[in-house]
Amino acid sequence: MVIKGETLEQKARQLLKERGVEVEDLAELVMFLQKSYIDDLDLAACLENVNSVLSKREVQNAIITGIQLDILAEKKQLLQPLQEILEVDEGLYGIDEILALSIVNVYGSIGFTNYGYIDKVKPGILAKLNSHEGPQVHTFLDDIVGAIAAAAASRLAHSQPDKSDITK
């Protein structure tokens, strides 16, 4: 799909960058999730898997939808009580996680455990996005970023055939 000269993927990537998320930040999260399981893992392999996840249309749609809702919350353009729920990142809201789970599902059930773990410990860029400091609202973005990393880590894990060999 092309939107005024740019593809959906280009727009999703642009929105991530505008919100302070670089592809390298995502790759570092993948490294965090997989370094204990894959010998000689490097950032290039993590980047390759992040880029593959970002090429998926359902991921692009989730990015654009979530960031748009965050921006509308910043501009106070949502109806109450949704406006306040997103501004304070209400813990029981859960729709931000539901949107993120659509990304996690792309590479199988290992994505759920990756996402749950990274969402709990919030390393790297996730700590910054979840800090609730400054004027930006990242209610959706922090979960989307965690989900992209979890999906890329899952893709990476699935690419390791020696890890799946069953021996007697």
N, C-alpha and C. Protein backbone atom coordinates (compact mmCIF):
# COMPACT_ATOMS: atom_id res chain seq x y z
N MET A 1 0.84 -1.17 0.00
CA MET A 1 0.00 0.00 0.00
C MET A 1 0.89 1.24 0.00
N VAL A 2 0.57 2.20 -0.86
CA VAL A 2 1.32 3.44 -0.95
C VAL A 2 0.44 4.59 -0.50
N ILE A 3 0.98 5.43 0.39
CA ILE A 3 0.26 6.58 0.92
C ILE A 3 1.01 7.83 0.49
N LYS A 4 0.47 8.57 -0.47
CA LYS A 4 1.11 9.81 -0.93
C LYS A 4 2.61 9.65 -1.15
N GLY A 5 2.99 8.69 -1.95
CA GLY A 5 4.38 8.53 -2.32
C GLY A 5 5.23 7.69 -1.38
N GLU A 6 4.68 7.29 -0.24
CA GLU A 6 5.47 6.44 0.66
C GLU A 6 4.68 5.17 0.98
N THR A 7 5.41 4.11 1.24
CA THR A 7 4.74 2.86 1.56
C THR A 7 4.32 2.87 3.02
N LEU A 8 3.47 1.93 3.36
CA LEU A 8 3.03 1.75 4.74
C LEU A 8 4.24 1.48 5.63
N GLU A 9 5.17 0.66 5.15
CA GLU A 9 6.37 0.37 5.93
C GLU A 9 7.20 1.63 6.17
N GLN A 10 7.38 2.44 5.14
CA GLN A 10 8.14 3.68 5.31
C GLN A 10 7.47 4.59 6.34
N LYS A 11 6.15 4.69 6.29
CA LYS A 11 5.43 5.53 7.24
C LYS A 11 5.59 5.00 8.66
N ALA A 12 5.47 3.70 8.84
CA ALA A 12 5.62 3.10 10.18
C ALA A 12 7.03 3.36 10.71
N ARG A 13 8.03 3.17 9.88
CA ARG A 13 9.41 3.41 10.29
C ARG A 13 9.63 4.90 10.62
N GLN A 14 9.05 5.77 9.82
CA GLN A 14 9.18 7.21 10.05
C GLN A 14 8.55 7.60 11.40
N LEU A 15 7.37 7.05 11.69
CA LEU A 15 6.71 7.35 12.95
C LEU A 15 7.53 6.87 14.15
N LEU A 16 8.10 5.68 14.04
CA LEU A 16 8.96 5.19 15.12
C LEU A 16 10.11 6.16 15.35
N LYS A 17 10.76 6.57 14.28
CA LYS A 17 11.91 7.48 14.38
C LYS A 17 11.49 8.82 14.98
N GLU A 18 10.36 9.36 14.52
CA GLU A 18 9.87 10.63 15.04
C GLU A 18 9.58 10.56 16.54
N ARG A 19 9.22 9.36 17.02
CA ARG A 19 8.90 9.18 18.43
C ARG A 19 10.13 8.77 19.24
N GLY A 20 11.30 8.80 18.60
CA GLY A 20 12.54 8.54 19.33
C GLY A 20 13.00 7.10 19.36
N VAL A 21 12.44 6.26 18.50
CA VAL A 21 12.81 4.85 18.46
C VAL A 21 13.56 4.55 17.17
N GLU A 22 14.82 4.17 17.33
CA GLU A 22 15.64 3.80 16.18
C GLU A 22 15.60 2.28 16.01
N VAL A 23 15.83 1.82 14.80
CA VAL A 23 15.86 0.39 14.54
C VAL A 23 16.95 -0.28 15.39
N GLU A 24 18.03 0.42 15.63
CA GLU A 24 19.12 -0.10 16.47
C GLU A 24 18.65 -0.33 17.91
N ASP A 25 17.75 0.55 18.39
CA ASP A 25 17.18 0.37 19.74
C ASP A 25 16.43 -0.96 19.83
N LEU A 26 15.69 -1.26 18.76
CA LEU A 26 14.94 -2.51 18.71
C LEU A 26 15.89 -3.70 18.66
N ALA A 27 16.96 -3.57 17.87
CA ALA A 27 17.95 -4.65 17.76
C ALA A 27 18.63 -4.90 19.10
N GLU A 28 18.89 -3.85 19.85
CA GLU A 28 19.50 -4.01 21.18
C GLU A 28 18.57 -4.78 22.13
N LEU A 29 17.27 -4.56 22.00
CA LEU A 29 16.32 -5.33 22.81
C LEU A 29 16.32 -6.80 22.41
N VAL A 30 16.44 -7.07 21.12
CA VAL A 30 16.53 -8.46 20.64
C VAL A 30 17.80 -9.10 21.21
N MET A 31 18.89 -8.37 21.17
CA MET A 31 20.15 -8.87 21.73
C MET A 31 19.96 -9.19 23.21
N PHE A 32 19.32 -8.31 23.94
CA PHE A 32 19.04 -8.53 25.36
C PHE A 32 18.27 -9.83 25.58
N LEU A 33 17.29 -10.09 24.73
CA LEU A 33 16.45 -11.29 24.88
C LEU A 33 17.15 -12.58 24.47
N GLN A 34 18.05 -12.52 23.50
CA GLN A 34 18.59 -13.75 22.91
C GLN A 34 20.07 -14.02 23.19
N LYS A 35 20.81 -13.08 23.76
CA LYS A 35 22.26 -13.26 23.91
C LYS A 35 22.63 -14.48 24.76
N SER A 36 21.79 -14.87 25.68
CA SER A 36 22.09 -16.03 26.53
C SER A 36 21.83 -17.36 25.82
N TYR A 37 21.15 -17.31 24.69
CA TYR A 37 20.73 -18.53 24.02
C TYR A 37 21.45 -18.81 22.70
N ILE A 38 22.04 -17.77 22.12
CA ILE A 38 22.67 -17.94 20.81
C ILE A 38 24.12 -17.51 20.91
N ASP A 39 25.03 -18.47 20.73
CA ASP A 39 26.45 -18.17 20.76
C ASP A 39 26.82 -17.23 19.61
N ASP A 40 27.70 -16.32 19.87
CA ASP A 40 28.22 -15.39 18.86
C ASP A 40 27.14 -14.52 18.22
N LEU A 41 26.08 -14.25 18.94
CA LEU A 41 25.03 -13.36 18.42
C LEU A 41 25.61 -11.96 18.27
N ASP A 42 25.32 -11.35 17.13
CA ASP A 42 25.78 -9.98 16.93
C ASP A 42 24.60 -9.08 16.57
N LEU A 43 24.85 -7.78 16.63
CA LEU A 43 23.79 -6.80 16.39
C LEU A 43 23.26 -6.89 14.96
N ALA A 44 24.12 -7.27 14.01
CA ALA A 44 23.68 -7.39 12.62
C ALA A 44 22.57 -8.44 12.47
N ALA A 45 22.70 -9.57 13.14
CA ALA A 45 21.66 -10.60 13.10
C ALA A 45 20.38 -10.09 13.75
N CYS A 46 20.53 -9.36 14.81
CA CYS A 46 19.35 -8.79 15.49
C CYS A 46 18.65 -7.77 14.59
N LEU A 47 19.44 -6.93 13.92
CA LEU A 47 18.88 -5.94 12.98
C LEU A 47 18.14 -6.63 11.83
N GLU A 48 18.72 -7.69 11.31
CA GLU A 48 18.09 -8.44 10.22
C GLU A 48 16.69 -8.92 10.64
N ASN A 49 16.59 -9.43 11.85
CA ASN A 49 15.32 -9.95 12.33
C ASN A 49 14.32 -8.84 12.64
N VAL A 50 14.80 -7.73 13.16
CA VAL A 50 13.92 -6.57 13.39
C VAL A 50 13.37 -6.08 12.05
N ASN A 51 14.24 -5.96 11.06
CA ASN A 51 13.80 -5.48 9.74
C ASN A 51 12.78 -6.43 9.13
N SER A 52 12.95 -7.71 9.34
CA SER A 52 11.97 -8.67 8.83
C SER A 52 10.61 -8.47 9.51
N VAL A 53 10.61 -8.26 10.82
CA VAL A 53 9.35 -8.02 11.53
C VAL A 53 8.71 -6.73 11.03
N LEU A 54 9.51 -5.69 10.85
CA LEU A 54 8.96 -4.41 10.39
C LEU A 54 8.42 -4.47 8.96
N SER A 55 8.77 -5.50 8.22
CA SER A 55 8.27 -5.63 6.85
C SER A 55 6.86 -6.22 6.79
N LYS A 56 6.35 -6.69 7.92
CA LYS A 56 5.02 -7.30 7.97
C LYS A 56 3.93 -6.24 8.06
N ARG A 57 2.93 -6.35 7.22
CA ARG A 57 1.86 -5.35 7.17
C ARG A 57 1.11 -5.24 8.49
N GLU A 58 0.84 -6.36 9.16
CA GLU A 58 0.11 -6.27 10.42
C GLU A 58 0.90 -5.54 11.49
N VAL A 59 2.22 -5.63 11.41
CA VAL A 59 3.09 -4.89 12.32
C VAL A 59 3.03 -3.40 11.99
N GLN A 60 3.11 -3.08 10.72
CA GLN A 60 3.03 -1.68 10.29
C GLN A 60 1.70 -1.06 10.72
N ASN A 61 0.62 -1.79 10.55
CA ASN A 61 -0.69 -1.29 10.95
C ASN A 61 -0.76 -1.04 12.46
N ALA A 62 -0.21 -1.94 13.24
CA ALA A 62 -0.20 -1.77 14.69
C ALA A 62 0.61 -0.54 15.10
N ILE A 63 1.75 -0.36 14.46
CA ILE A 63 2.60 0.80 14.76
C ILE A 63 1.84 2.10 14.48
N ILE A 64 1.27 2.19 13.30
CA ILE A 64 0.58 3.42 12.91
C ILE A 64 -0.63 3.68 13.80
N THR A 65 -1.39 2.65 14.11
CA THR A 65 -2.57 2.81 14.96
C THR A 65 -2.18 3.24 16.37
N GLY A 66 -1.23 2.55 16.96
CA GLY A 66 -0.83 2.86 18.33
C GLY A 66 -0.23 4.24 18.47
N ILE A 67 0.66 4.60 17.56
CA ILE A 67 1.29 5.92 17.64
C ILE A 67 0.25 7.01 17.42
N GLN A 68 -0.68 6.79 16.51
CA GLN A 68 -1.72 7.80 16.28
C GLN A 68 -2.55 8.03 17.55
N LEU A 69 -2.88 6.97 18.25
CA LEU A 69 -3.63 7.12 19.50
C LEU A 69 -2.80 7.86 20.56
N ASP A 70 -1.50 7.55 20.64
CA ASP A 70 -0.64 8.28 21.57
C ASP A 70 -0.60 9.77 21.23
N ILE A 71 -0.48 10.10 19.96
CA ILE A 71 -0.42 11.50 19.53
C ILE A 71 -1.74 12.22 19.85
N LEU A 72 -2.86 11.57 19.59
CA LEU A 72 -4.15 12.18 19.91
C LEU A 72 -4.29 12.42 21.41
N ALA A 73 -3.75 11.51 22.21
CA ALA A 73 -3.80 11.70 23.66
C ALA A 73 -2.95 12.91 24.07
N GLU A 74 -1.78 13.07 23.45
CA GLU A 74 -0.93 14.23 23.73
C GLU A 74 -1.64 15.53 23.41
N LYS A 75 -2.41 15.52 22.33
CA LYS A 75 -3.12 16.73 21.88
C LYS A 75 -4.47 16.91 22.59
N LYS A 76 -4.76 15.97 23.50
CA LYS A 76 -6.02 16.00 24.26
C LYS A 76 -7.24 16.00 23.33
N GLN A 77 -7.17 15.12 22.32
CA GLN A 77 -8.22 15.04 21.32
C GLN A 77 -9.06 13.77 21.41
N LEU A 78 -8.97 13.07 22.53
CA LEU A 78 -9.77 11.87 22.73
C LEU A 78 -10.92 12.16 23.67
N LEU A 79 -11.95 11.40 23.55
CA LEU A 79 -13.08 11.53 24.46
C LEU A 79 -12.70 11.01 25.84
N GLN A 80 -13.30 11.57 26.87
CA GLN A 80 -13.14 11.03 28.22
C GLN A 80 -14.03 9.79 28.34
N PRO A 81 -13.67 8.81 29.06
CA PRO A 81 -12.51 8.72 29.94
C PRO A 81 -11.24 8.23 29.24
N LEU A 82 -11.34 7.92 27.91
CA LEU A 82 -10.17 7.40 27.20
C LEU A 82 -9.00 8.37 27.26
N GLN A 83 -9.27 9.66 27.17
CA GLN A 83 -8.21 10.66 27.22
C GLN A 83 -7.37 10.50 28.49
N GLU A 84 -8.01 10.45 29.62
CA GLU A 84 -7.27 10.33 30.89
C GLU A 84 -6.60 8.96 31.02
N ILE A 85 -7.29 7.93 30.57
CA ILE A 85 -6.72 6.58 30.66
C ILE A 85 -5.39 6.51 29.91
N LEU A 86 -5.34 7.08 28.71
CA LEU A 86 -4.11 7.03 27.92
C LEU A 86 -3.06 7.99 28.47
N GLU A 87 -3.47 9.15 28.94
CA GLU A 87 -2.51 10.11 29.50
C GLU A 87 -1.75 9.54 30.69
N VAL A 88 -2.44 8.80 31.53
CA VAL A 88 -1.79 8.26 32.74
C VAL A 88 -1.31 6.83 32.54
N ASP A 89 -1.57 6.26 31.37
CA ASP A 89 -1.20 4.87 31.07
C ASP A 89 -1.77 3.94 32.14
N GLU A 90 -3.07 4.02 32.29
CA GLU A 90 -3.81 3.24 33.29
C GLU A 90 -3.45 1.76 33.19
N GLY A 91 -3.02 1.20 34.28
CA GLY A 91 -2.54 -0.18 34.33
C GLY A 91 -3.57 -1.23 33.95
N LEU A 92 -4.83 -0.97 34.21
CA LEU A 92 -5.87 -1.95 33.90
C LEU A 92 -6.52 -1.75 32.53
N TYR A 93 -6.03 -0.80 31.77
CA TYR A 93 -6.59 -0.53 30.44
C TYR A 93 -6.42 -1.74 29.53
N GLY A 94 -5.21 -2.18 29.29
CA GLY A 94 -4.94 -3.44 28.59
C GLY A 94 -5.05 -3.45 27.09
N ILE A 95 -5.69 -2.47 26.49
CA ILE A 95 -5.84 -2.48 25.03
C ILE A 95 -4.49 -2.24 24.36
N ASP A 96 -3.61 -1.50 25.02
CA ASP A 96 -2.27 -1.29 24.48
C ASP A 96 -1.53 -2.63 24.36
N GLU A 97 -1.69 -3.49 25.35
CA GLU A 97 -1.08 -4.82 25.29
C GLU A 97 -1.75 -5.70 24.24
N ILE A 98 -3.06 -5.57 24.10
CA ILE A 98 -3.79 -6.37 23.09
C ILE A 98 -3.28 -6.02 21.69
N LEU A 99 -3.10 -4.74 21.41
CA LEU A 99 -2.55 -4.34 20.11
C LEU A 99 -1.15 -4.91 19.92
N ALA A 100 -0.34 -4.84 20.96
CA ALA A 100 1.02 -5.39 20.89
C ALA A 100 1.01 -6.89 20.65
N LEU A 101 0.06 -7.59 21.21
CA LEU A 101 0.00 -9.05 21.02
C LEU A 101 -0.25 -9.43 19.57
N SER A 102 -0.86 -8.54 18.79
CA SER A 102 -1.04 -8.85 17.37
C SER A 102 0.33 -8.93 16.67
N ILE A 103 1.30 -8.21 17.18
CA ILE A 103 2.66 -8.28 16.64
C ILE A 103 3.36 -9.54 17.15
N VAL A 104 3.22 -9.81 18.41
CA VAL A 104 3.87 -10.96 19.04
C VAL A 104 3.45 -12.26 18.36
N ASN A 105 2.21 -12.35 17.93
CA ASN A 105 1.67 -13.57 17.31
C ASN A 105 2.33 -13.94 15.98
N VAL A 106 3.03 -13.01 15.36
CA VAL A 106 3.56 -13.25 14.02
C VAL A 106 4.53 -14.42 13.97
N TYR A 107 5.30 -14.66 15.06
CA TYR A 107 6.32 -15.72 15.03
C TYR A 107 6.13 -16.78 16.11
N GLY A 108 4.92 -17.06 16.47
CA GLY A 108 4.67 -18.19 17.35
C GLY A 108 4.64 -17.88 18.83
N SER A 109 4.39 -18.92 19.60
CA SER A 109 4.12 -18.78 21.03
C SER A 109 5.33 -18.32 21.85
N ILE A 110 6.54 -18.53 21.37
CA ILE A 110 7.70 -18.05 22.11
C ILE A 110 7.66 -16.53 22.25
N GLY A 111 6.98 -15.88 21.31
CA GLY A 111 6.84 -14.43 21.38
C GLY A 111 6.12 -13.97 22.63
N PHE A 112 5.16 -14.76 23.11
CA PHE A 112 4.43 -14.39 24.32
C PHE A 112 5.36 -14.32 25.53
N THR A 113 6.22 -15.31 25.67
CA THR A 113 7.13 -15.30 26.82
C THR A 113 8.17 -14.20 26.67
N ASN A 114 8.67 -14.00 25.45
CA ASN A 114 9.61 -12.90 25.21
C ASN A 114 8.96 -11.56 25.56
N TYR A 115 7.75 -11.37 25.09
CA TYR A 115 7.05 -10.11 25.33
C TYR A 115 6.76 -9.91 26.83
N GLY A 116 6.27 -10.93 27.48
CA GLY A 116 5.97 -10.80 28.91
C GLY A 116 7.20 -10.43 29.71
N TYR A 117 8.32 -11.05 29.38
CA TYR A 117 9.56 -10.78 30.10
C TYR A 117 10.04 -9.35 29.84
N ILE A 118 10.12 -8.97 28.58
CA ILE A 118 10.66 -7.65 28.26
C ILE A 118 9.73 -6.54 28.74
N ASP A 119 8.43 -6.80 28.75
CA ASP A 119 7.47 -5.81 29.25
C ASP A 119 7.63 -5.63 30.75
N LYS A 120 8.03 -6.67 31.44
CA LYS A 120 8.21 -6.59 32.89
C LYS A 120 9.50 -5.88 33.28
N VAL A 121 10.61 -6.22 32.64
CA VAL A 121 11.90 -5.66 33.03
C VAL A 121 12.21 -4.32 32.35
N LYS A 122 11.61 -4.06 31.22
CA LYS A 122 11.74 -2.80 30.49
C LYS A 122 13.18 -2.30 30.32
N PRO A 123 14.01 -3.06 29.62
CA PRO A 123 15.39 -2.63 29.39
C PRO A 123 15.48 -1.58 28.27
N GLY A 124 16.61 -0.91 28.20
CA GLY A 124 16.92 -0.03 27.08
C GLY A 124 15.88 1.03 26.81
N ILE A 125 15.51 1.17 25.56
CA ILE A 125 14.56 2.19 25.12
C ILE A 125 13.22 2.05 25.83
N LEU A 126 12.87 0.85 26.27
CA LEU A 126 11.58 0.66 26.95
C LEU A 126 11.52 1.43 28.26
N ALA A 127 12.63 1.53 28.97
CA ALA A 127 12.64 2.30 30.22
C ALA A 127 12.36 3.77 29.93
N LYS A 128 12.95 4.29 28.87
CA LYS A 128 12.73 5.69 28.48
C LYS A 128 11.28 5.92 28.08
N LEU A 129 10.74 5.05 27.24
CA LEU A 129 9.37 5.22 26.77
C LEU A 129 8.36 5.09 27.90
N ASN A 130 8.67 4.29 28.88
CA ASN A 130 7.74 4.03 29.98
C ASN A 130 7.93 4.99 31.16
N SER A 131 8.84 5.96 31.04
CA SER A 131 9.16 6.83 32.17
C SER A 131 8.05 7.84 32.49
N HIS A 132 7.17 8.11 31.57
CA HIS A 132 6.07 9.07 31.76
C HIS A 132 6.59 10.46 32.06
N GLU A 133 7.80 10.77 31.59
CA GLU A 133 8.38 12.10 31.76
C GLU A 133 8.24 12.86 30.45
N GLY A 134 7.95 14.14 30.55
CA GLY A 134 7.82 14.98 29.37
C GLY A 134 6.41 14.96 28.82
N PRO A 135 6.22 15.69 27.72
CA PRO A 135 4.87 15.87 27.18
C PRO A 135 4.35 14.70 26.34
N GLN A 136 5.25 13.81 25.91
CA GLN A 136 4.81 12.73 25.03
C GLN A 136 4.10 11.62 25.80
N VAL A 137 3.09 11.06 25.15
CA VAL A 137 2.37 9.90 25.67
C VAL A 137 2.87 8.70 24.87
N HIS A 138 3.27 7.65 25.58
CA HIS A 138 3.76 6.43 24.92
C HIS A 138 3.00 5.21 25.41
N THR A 139 1.73 5.37 25.71
CA THR A 139 0.93 4.26 26.23
C THR A 139 0.96 3.07 25.29
N PHE A 140 0.82 3.32 24.01
CA PHE A 140 0.85 2.24 23.02
C PHE A 140 2.28 1.94 22.56
N LEU A 141 3.08 2.99 22.37
CA LEU A 141 4.39 2.80 21.78
C LEU A 141 5.30 1.88 22.59
N ASP A 142 5.32 2.00 23.90
CA ASP A 142 6.22 1.14 24.68
C ASP A 142 5.87 -0.33 24.49
N ASP A 143 4.58 -0.64 24.42
CA ASP A 143 4.17 -2.03 24.21
C ASP A 143 4.46 -2.50 22.78
N ILE A 144 4.28 -1.62 21.82
CA ILE A 144 4.57 -1.95 20.42
C ILE A 144 6.07 -2.23 20.24
N VAL A 145 6.90 -1.40 20.83
CA VAL A 145 8.35 -1.60 20.74
C VAL A 145 8.75 -2.93 21.38
N GLY A 146 8.21 -3.20 22.55
CA GLY A 146 8.49 -4.48 23.20
C GLY A 146 8.03 -5.66 22.37
N ALA A 147 6.88 -5.51 21.72
CA ALA A 147 6.34 -6.58 20.89
C ALA A 147 7.18 -6.82 19.64
N ILE A 148 7.66 -5.74 19.02
CA ILE A 148 8.52 -5.89 17.84
C ILE A 148 9.80 -6.64 18.23
N ALA A 149 10.38 -6.25 19.34
CA ALA A 149 11.60 -6.93 19.81
C ALA A 149 11.31 -8.39 20.14
N ALA A 150 10.19 -8.66 20.79
CA ALA A 150 9.83 -10.03 21.14
C ALA A 150 9.61 -10.88 19.90
N ALA A 151 8.95 -10.31 18.89
CA ALA A 151 8.72 -11.04 17.64
C ALA A 151 10.03 -11.29 16.91
N ALA A 152 10.91 -10.28 16.88
CA ALA A 152 12.20 -10.46 16.21
C ALA A 152 13.05 -11.49 16.94
N ALA A 153 13.00 -11.48 18.27
CA ALA A 153 13.74 -12.48 19.05
C ALA A 153 13.18 -13.88 18.78
N SER A 154 11.88 -13.98 18.64
CA SER A 154 11.25 -15.27 18.33
C SER A 154 11.66 -15.76 16.95
N ARG A 155 11.67 -14.85 15.99
CA ARG A 155 12.11 -15.20 14.64
C ARG A 155 13.55 -15.71 14.68
N LEU A 156 14.38 -15.02 15.41
CA LEU A 156 15.77 -15.40 15.56
C LEU A 156 15.90 -16.79 16.21
N ALA A 157 15.14 -17.02 17.25
CA ALA A 157 15.17 -18.31 17.94
C ALA A 157 14.75 -19.44 16.99
N HIS A 158 13.74 -19.17 16.16
CA HIS A 158 13.27 -20.19 15.22
C HIS A 158 14.29 -20.46 14.12
N SER A 159 15.22 -19.55 13.91
CA SER A 159 16.21 -19.72 12.85
C SER A 159 17.41 -20.54 13.30
N GLN A 160 17.38 -21.02 14.53
CA GLN A 160 18.50 -21.78 15.08
C GLN A 160 18.16 -23.28 15.05
N PRO A 161 18.40 -23.96 13.91
CA PRO A 161 17.98 -25.36 13.79
C PRO A 161 18.63 -26.29 14.80
N ASP A 162 19.85 -26.00 15.21
CA ASP A 162 20.52 -26.88 16.17
C ASP A 162 19.84 -26.84 17.53
N LYS A 163 19.12 -25.77 17.82
CA LYS A 163 18.43 -25.67 19.10
C LYS A 163 17.17 -26.53 19.13
N SER A 164 16.65 -26.85 17.95
CA SER A 164 15.41 -27.61 17.90
C SER A 164 15.63 -29.10 17.68
N ASP A 165 16.86 -29.51 17.44
CA ASP A 165 17.14 -30.93 17.26
C ASP A 165 16.87 -31.69 18.55
N ILE A 166 16.15 -32.76 18.42
CA ILE A 166 15.85 -33.61 19.58
C ILE A 166 16.75 -34.84 19.49
N THR A 167 17.49 -35.08 20.54
CA THR A 167 18.34 -36.26 20.55
C THR A 167 17.82 -37.23 21.58
N LYS A 168 18.11 -38.49 21.35
CA LYS A 168 17.64 -39.53 22.27
C LYS A 168 18.52 -39.64 23.47
